[in-house]
């Protein structure tokens, strides 16, 4: 991803320009793969409730009209039938997969009539954040990072990283906390 964003800066016509253009945003192929993989593994919606409007036959079962139905997107996103090694963070799996909208196997932003209207805006925000993160900073893990699934993604002991402004890379990262780096 870092290479993709550094190429955006290198190929920019006006090197003094600091904002992203729409063309640059649309060129972020790997970034979109990374975003999809992130929301696949760490979807913020643990469950969605719907009401069956009519009797629904599912395998050997009938869900009667009027009953509540709960869909658990994290469980769908971790189904090994749909995703090889589903617990592995693998943005490359999206190279040959549809990255637009929702499907019965990917519903990070809902689906159908209830598809999130802010999906595209959210993806723009994530892409711009990632662009700034990888082009302006480097980081190192300080502590934490153990993952617990409940079915969502949690870090019970937190995940602390030290952010270092790239201009100050030549300095010792442990001594620059007051000179441009931030602990999160």
C-alpha atoms as a PDB file:
ATOM      1  CA  UNK A   1       0.000   0.000   0.000  1.00  0.00           C
ATOM      2  CA  UNK A   2       2.840   2.356   0.815  1.00  0.00           C
ATOM      3  CA  UNK A   3       4.266   1.853  -2.683  1.00  0.00           C
ATOM      4  CA  UNK A   4       0.880   2.664  -4.243  1.00  0.00           C
ATOM      5  CA  UNK A   5       0.662   5.955  -2.335  1.00  0.00           C
ATOM      6  CA  UNK A   6       4.270   6.928  -2.935  1.00  0.00           C
ATOM      7  CA  UNK A   7       3.632   6.368  -6.668  1.00  0.00           C
ATOM      8  CA  UNK A   8       0.693   8.776  -6.446  1.00  0.00           C
ATOM      9  CA  UNK A   9       3.030  11.444  -5.049  1.00  0.00           C
ATOM     10  CA  UNK A  10       5.795  10.639  -7.579  1.00  0.00           C
ATOM     11  CA  UNK A  11       3.430  10.759 -10.574  1.00  0.00           C
ATOM     12  CA  UNK A  12       1.735  13.971  -9.511  1.00  0.00           C
ATOM     13  CA  UNK A  13       1.973  16.738 -12.124  1.00  0.00           C
ATOM     14  CA  UNK A  14       2.138  19.505  -9.535  1.00  0.00           C
ATOM     15  CA  UNK A  15       4.546  18.264  -6.851  1.00  0.00           C
ATOM     16  CA  UNK A  16       3.590  21.140  -4.544  1.00  0.00           C
ATOM     17  CA  UNK A  17      -0.073  20.055  -4.463  1.00  0.00           C
ATOM     18  CA  UNK A  18      -0.965  18.525  -1.095  1.00  0.00           C
ATOM     19  CA  UNK A  19      -4.540  17.366  -1.651  1.00  0.00           C
ATOM     20  CA  UNK A  20      -5.621  14.203  -3.421  1.00  0.00           C
ATOM     21  CA  UNK A  21      -7.402  14.454  -6.748  1.00  0.00           C
ATOM     22  CA  UNK A  22     -10.358  12.277  -7.723  1.00  0.00           C
ATOM     23  CA  UNK A  23      -8.175  10.561 -10.338  1.00  0.00           C
ATOM     24  CA  UNK A  24      -5.568   9.749  -7.662  1.00  0.00           C
ATOM     25  CA  UNK A  25      -8.268   8.431  -5.347  1.00  0.00           C
ATOM     26  CA  UNK A  26      -9.713   6.193  -8.070  1.00  0.00           C
ATOM     27  CA  UNK A  27      -6.208   4.792  -8.774  1.00  0.00           C
ATOM     28  CA  UNK A  28      -5.903   3.307  -5.258  1.00  0.00           C
ATOM     29  CA  UNK A  29      -6.565  -0.294  -6.300  1.00  0.00           C
ATOM     30  CA  UNK A  30      -4.686  -1.981  -3.462  1.00  0.00           C
ATOM     31  CA  UNK A  31      -6.018   0.513  -0.915  1.00  0.00           C
ATOM     32  CA  UNK A  32      -9.590  -0.501  -1.827  1.00  0.00           C
ATOM     33  CA  UNK A  33      -8.592  -4.155  -1.387  1.00  0.00           C
ATOM     34  CA  UNK A  34      -7.146  -3.314   2.030  1.00  0.00           C
ATOM     35  CA  UNK A  35     -10.284  -1.409   3.040  1.00  0.00           C
ATOM     36  CA  UNK A  36     -12.539  -4.304   2.027  1.00  0.00           C
ATOM     37  CA  UNK A  37     -10.387  -6.796   3.917  1.00  0.00           C
ATOM     38  CA  UNK A  38     -10.359  -4.568   6.990  1.00  0.00           C
ATOM     39  CA  UNK A  39     -14.139  -4.174   7.100  1.00  0.00           C
ATOM     40  CA  UNK A  40     -14.550  -7.879   6.326  1.00  0.00           C
ATOM     41  CA  UNK A  41     -12.538  -8.795   9.425  1.00  0.00           C
ATOM     42  CA  UNK A  42     -13.550  -5.917  11.687  1.00  0.00           C
ATOM     43  CA  UNK A  43     -17.114  -5.076  10.759  1.00  0.00           C
ATOM     44  CA  UNK A  44     -18.598  -2.674  13.297  1.00  0.00           C
ATOM     45  CA  UNK A  45     -22.106  -4.145  12.983  1.00  0.00           C
ATOM     46  CA  UNK A  46     -22.344  -7.353  15.053  1.00  0.00           C
ATOM     47  CA  UNK A  47     -25.861  -8.154  13.917  1.00  0.00           C
ATOM     48  CA  UNK A  48     -28.749  -6.911  11.820  1.00  0.00           C
ATOM     49  CA  UNK A  49     -32.379  -7.671  12.622  1.00  0.00           C
ATOM     50  CA  UNK A  50     -35.101  -8.047  10.024  1.00  0.00           C
ATOM     51  CA  UNK A  51     -38.697  -9.224  10.144  1.00  0.00           C
ATOM     52  CA  UNK A  52     -39.827 -12.074   7.903  1.00  0.00           C
ATOM     53  CA  UNK A  53     -42.708 -10.666   5.858  1.00  0.00           C
ATOM     54  CA  UNK A  54     -43.804 -14.115   4.691  1.00  0.00           C
ATOM     55  CA  UNK A  55     -42.878 -17.712   5.492  1.00  0.00           C
ATOM     56  CA  UNK A  56     -39.312 -18.360   4.383  1.00  0.00           C
ATOM     57  CA  UNK A  57     -38.037 -21.836   3.575  1.00  0.00           C
ATOM     58  CA  UNK A  58     -34.357 -22.297   4.423  1.00  0.00           C
ATOM     59  CA  UNK A  59     -32.937 -25.795   4.000  1.00  0.00           C
ATOM     60  CA  UNK A  60     -35.192 -28.019   6.152  1.00  0.00           C
ATOM     61  CA  UNK A  61     -36.576 -25.109   8.181  1.00  0.00           C
ATOM     62  CA  UNK A  62     -39.412 -22.651   7.823  1.00  0.00           C
ATOM     63  CA  UNK A  63     -39.109 -19.185   9.322  1.00  0.00           C
ATOM     64  CA  UNK A  64     -42.707 -18.105   9.954  1.00  0.00           C
ATOM     65  CA  UNK A  65     -43.966 -14.715   8.793  1.00  0.00           C
ATOM     66  CA  UNK A  66     -43.626 -12.132  11.544  1.00  0.00           C
ATOM     67  CA  UNK A  67     -40.588 -13.701  13.194  1.00  0.00           C
ATOM     68  CA  UNK A  68     -37.418 -11.689  13.741  1.00  0.00           C
ATOM     69  CA  UNK A  69     -34.361 -12.836  11.833  1.00  0.00           C
ATOM     70  CA  UNK A  70     -30.823 -11.896  12.822  1.00  0.00           C
ATOM     71  CA  UNK A  71     -27.991 -11.818  10.299  1.00  0.00           C
ATOM     72  CA  UNK A  72     -24.497 -11.722  11.769  1.00  0.00           C
ATOM     73  CA  UNK A  73     -22.155 -10.130   9.175  1.00  0.00           C
ATOM     74  CA  UNK A  74     -18.971 -11.126  11.046  1.00  0.00           C
ATOM     75  CA  UNK A  75     -20.028 -14.778  10.865  1.00  0.00           C
ATOM     76  CA  UNK A  76     -20.775 -14.453   7.145  1.00  0.00           C
ATOM     77  CA  UNK A  77     -17.418 -12.737   6.573  1.00  0.00           C
ATOM     78  CA  UNK A  78     -15.545 -15.529   8.358  1.00  0.00           C
ATOM     79  CA  UNK A  79     -17.177 -18.402   6.486  1.00  0.00           C
ATOM     80  CA  UNK A  80     -14.384 -20.659   5.131  1.00  0.00           C
ATOM     81  CA  UNK A  81     -16.656 -21.713   2.263  1.00  0.00           C
ATOM     82  CA  UNK A  82     -16.494 -18.135   0.945  1.00  0.00           C
ATOM     83  CA  UNK A  83     -13.074 -17.005   2.202  1.00  0.00           C
ATOM     84  CA  UNK A  84     -10.007 -19.238   2.243  1.00  0.00           C
ATOM     85  CA  UNK A  85      -8.253 -18.907   5.621  1.00  0.00           C
ATOM     86  CA  UNK A  86     -10.954 -16.472   6.809  1.00  0.00           C
ATOM     87  CA  UNK A  87      -9.094 -15.305   9.935  1.00  0.00           C
ATOM     88  CA  UNK A  88      -6.029 -14.335   7.895  1.00  0.00           C
ATOM     89  CA  UNK A  89      -5.672 -10.679   6.928  1.00  0.00           C
ATOM     90  CA  UNK A  90      -5.205 -10.983   3.160  1.00  0.00           C
ATOM     91  CA  UNK A  91      -6.076  -7.910   1.047  1.00  0.00           C
ATOM     92  CA  UNK A  92      -4.894  -9.749  -2.079  1.00  0.00           C
ATOM     93  CA  UNK A  93      -7.988 -11.985  -1.885  1.00  0.00           C
ATOM     94  CA  UNK A  94      -9.932  -9.003  -3.318  1.00  0.00           C
ATOM     95  CA  UNK A  95      -7.900  -8.898  -6.558  1.00  0.00           C
ATOM     96  CA  UNK A  96     -10.426 -11.093  -8.327  1.00  0.00           C
ATOM     97  CA  UNK A  97     -13.488 -10.318  -6.218  1.00  0.00           C
ATOM     98  CA  UNK A  98     -16.180  -7.695  -6.698  1.00  0.00           C
ATOM     99  CA  UNK A  99     -15.315  -4.613  -4.668  1.00  0.00           C
ATOM    100  CA  UNK A 100     -18.542  -2.755  -5.346  1.00  0.00           C
ATOM    101  CA  UNK A 101     -21.609  -2.889  -3.158  1.00  0.00           C
ATOM    102  CA  UNK A 102     -22.762  -5.863  -1.177  1.00  0.00           C
ATOM    103  CA  UNK A 103     -23.448  -9.520  -1.778  1.00  0.00           C
ATOM    104  CA  UNK A 104     -24.759 -12.388   0.292  1.00  0.00           C
ATOM    105  CA  UNK A 105     -21.118 -13.066   1.274  1.00  0.00           C
ATOM    106  CA  UNK A 106     -19.976  -9.475   1.912  1.00  0.00           C
ATOM    107  CA  UNK A 107     -22.228  -7.079   3.748  1.00  0.00           C
ATOM    108  CA  UNK A 108     -19.874  -4.733   5.564  1.00  0.00           C
ATOM    109  CA  UNK A 109     -22.085  -1.787   4.627  1.00  0.00           C
ATOM    110  CA  UNK A 110     -25.442  -3.569   4.663  1.00  0.00           C
ATOM    111  CA  UNK A 111     -27.299  -4.545   1.558  1.00  0.00           C
ATOM    112  CA  UNK A 112     -30.400  -4.139  -0.546  1.00  0.00           C
ATOM    113  CA  UNK A 113     -32.716  -1.289   0.368  1.00  0.00           C
ATOM    114  CA  UNK A 114     -30.765  -0.762   3.578  1.00  0.00           C
ATOM    115  CA  UNK A 115     -27.346  -0.387   1.949  1.00  0.00           C
ATOM    116  CA  UNK A 116     -25.509   2.364   3.825  1.00  0.00           C
ATOM    117  CA  UNK A 117     -25.839   5.680   1.970  1.00  0.00           C
ATOM    118  CA  UNK A 118     -22.508   6.782   3.444  1.00  0.00           C
ATOM    119  CA  UNK A 119     -20.499   3.851   2.064  1.00  0.00           C
ATOM    120  CA  UNK A 120     -18.674   5.791  -0.637  1.00  0.00           C
ATOM    121  CA  UNK A 121     -18.014   8.732   1.686  1.00  0.00           C
ATOM    122  CA  UNK A 122     -16.647   6.338   4.313  1.00  0.00           C
ATOM    123  CA  UNK A 123     -14.320   4.723   1.769  1.00  0.00           C
ATOM    124  CA  UNK A 124     -13.055   8.150   0.669  1.00  0.00           C
ATOM    125  CA  UNK A 125     -12.352   9.062   4.300  1.00  0.00           C
ATOM    126  CA  UNK A 126     -10.505   5.797   4.916  1.00  0.00           C
ATOM    127  CA  UNK A 127      -8.470   6.136   1.710  1.00  0.00           C
ATOM    128  CA  UNK A 128      -7.470   9.745   2.485  1.00  0.00           C
ATOM    129  CA  UNK A 129      -6.546   8.783   6.058  1.00  0.00           C
ATOM    130  CA  UNK A 130      -4.437   5.857   4.832  1.00  0.00           C
ATOM    131  CA  UNK A 131      -2.779   8.067   2.206  1.00  0.00           C
ATOM    132  CA  UNK A 132      -1.748  10.582   4.887  1.00  0.00           C
ATOM    133  CA  UNK A 133      -0.701   7.818   7.278  1.00  0.00           C
ATOM    134  CA  UNK A 134       1.626   5.971   4.903  1.00  0.00           C
ATOM    135  CA  UNK A 135       3.078   9.018   3.131  1.00  0.00           C
ATOM    136  CA  UNK A 136       3.727  11.168   6.223  1.00  0.00           C
ATOM    137  CA  UNK A 137       4.347   8.730   9.077  1.00  0.00           C
ATOM    138  CA  UNK A 138       5.952   5.498  10.061  1.00  0.00           C
ATOM    139  CA  UNK A 139       5.118   3.581  13.192  1.00  0.00           C
ATOM    140  CA  UNK A 140       6.212   0.836  15.483  1.00  0.00           C
ATOM    141  CA  UNK A 141       4.253  -1.321  17.872  1.00  0.00           C
ATOM    142  CA  UNK A 142       4.764  -0.402  21.513  1.00  0.00           C
ATOM    143  CA  UNK A 143       2.573  -3.068  23.143  1.00  0.00           C
ATOM    144  CA  UNK A 144      -0.726  -4.896  22.863  1.00  0.00           C
ATOM    145  CA  UNK A 145      -2.365  -6.138  19.722  1.00  0.00           C
ATOM    146  CA  UNK A 146      -3.832  -9.400  21.007  1.00  0.00           C
ATOM    147  CA  UNK A 147      -7.129  -9.996  19.185  1.00  0.00           C
ATOM    148  CA  UNK A 148     -10.355 -11.387  20.652  1.00  0.00           C
ATOM    149  CA  UNK A 149     -13.412 -12.059  18.458  1.00  0.00           C
ATOM    150  CA  UNK A 150     -16.795 -11.666  20.160  1.00  0.00           C
ATOM    151  CA  UNK A 151     -17.915 -11.963  17.157  1.00  0.00           C
ATOM    152  CA  UNK A 152     -16.526  -8.510  16.431  1.00  0.00           C
ATOM    153  CA  UNK A 153     -12.863  -7.602  16.689  1.00  0.00           C
ATOM    154  CA  UNK A 154     -11.536  -6.365  20.030  1.00  0.00           C
ATOM    155  CA  UNK A 155      -8.145  -5.582  21.521  1.00  0.00           C
ATOM    156  CA  UNK A 156      -8.680  -6.251  25.257  1.00  0.00           C
ATOM    157  CA  UNK A 157      -5.224  -4.922  26.191  1.00  0.00           C
ATOM    158  CA  UNK A 158      -5.332  -2.146  23.600  1.00  0.00           C
ATOM    159  CA  UNK A 159      -2.947  -1.721  20.701  1.00  0.00           C
ATOM    160  CA  UNK A 160      -0.379   0.989  21.225  1.00  0.00           C
ATOM    161  CA  UNK A 161       1.837   2.282  18.463  1.00  0.00           C
ATOM    162  CA  UNK A 162       4.375   5.064  18.300  1.00  0.00           C
ATOM    163  CA  UNK A 163       3.855   7.369  15.316  1.00  0.00           C
ATOM    164  CA  UNK A 164       6.930   9.015  13.875  1.00  0.00           C
ATOM    165  CA  UNK A 165       6.862  11.844  11.344  1.00  0.00           C
ATOM    166  CA  UNK A 166       8.795  10.624   8.284  1.00  0.00           C
ATOM    167  CA  UNK A 167      10.911  13.798   8.107  1.00  0.00           C
ATOM    168  CA  UNK A 168      12.417  12.800  11.438  1.00  0.00           C
ATOM    169  CA  UNK A 169      13.192   9.176  10.488  1.00  0.00           C
ATOM    170  CA  UNK A 170      16.934   9.613  10.805  1.00  0.00           C
ATOM    171  CA  UNK A 171      16.595  10.339  14.529  1.00  0.00           C
ATOM    172  CA  UNK A 172      16.324   7.637  17.161  1.00  0.00           C
ATOM    173  CA  UNK A 173      12.570   6.853  17.376  1.00  0.00           C
ATOM    174  CA  UNK A 174      12.774   6.321  21.131  1.00  0.00           C
ATOM    175  CA  UNK A 175      14.007   9.868  21.722  1.00  0.00           C
ATOM    176  CA  UNK A 176      11.615  11.862  19.548  1.00  0.00           C
ATOM    177  CA  UNK A 177       8.363  11.585  21.514  1.00  0.00           C
ATOM    178  CA  UNK A 178       8.465  15.311  22.211  1.00  0.00           C
ATOM    179  CA  UNK A 179       9.784  16.192  18.748  1.00  0.00           C
ATOM    180  CA  UNK A 180       7.128  15.066  16.265  1.00  0.00           C
ATOM    181  CA  UNK A 181       6.010  11.580  17.207  1.00  0.00           C
ATOM    182  CA  UNK A 182       2.856  10.618  19.026  1.00  0.00           C
ATOM    183  CA  UNK A 183       1.954   7.578  21.100  1.00  0.00           C
ATOM    184  CA  UNK A 184      -1.550   6.240  20.486  1.00  0.00           C
END
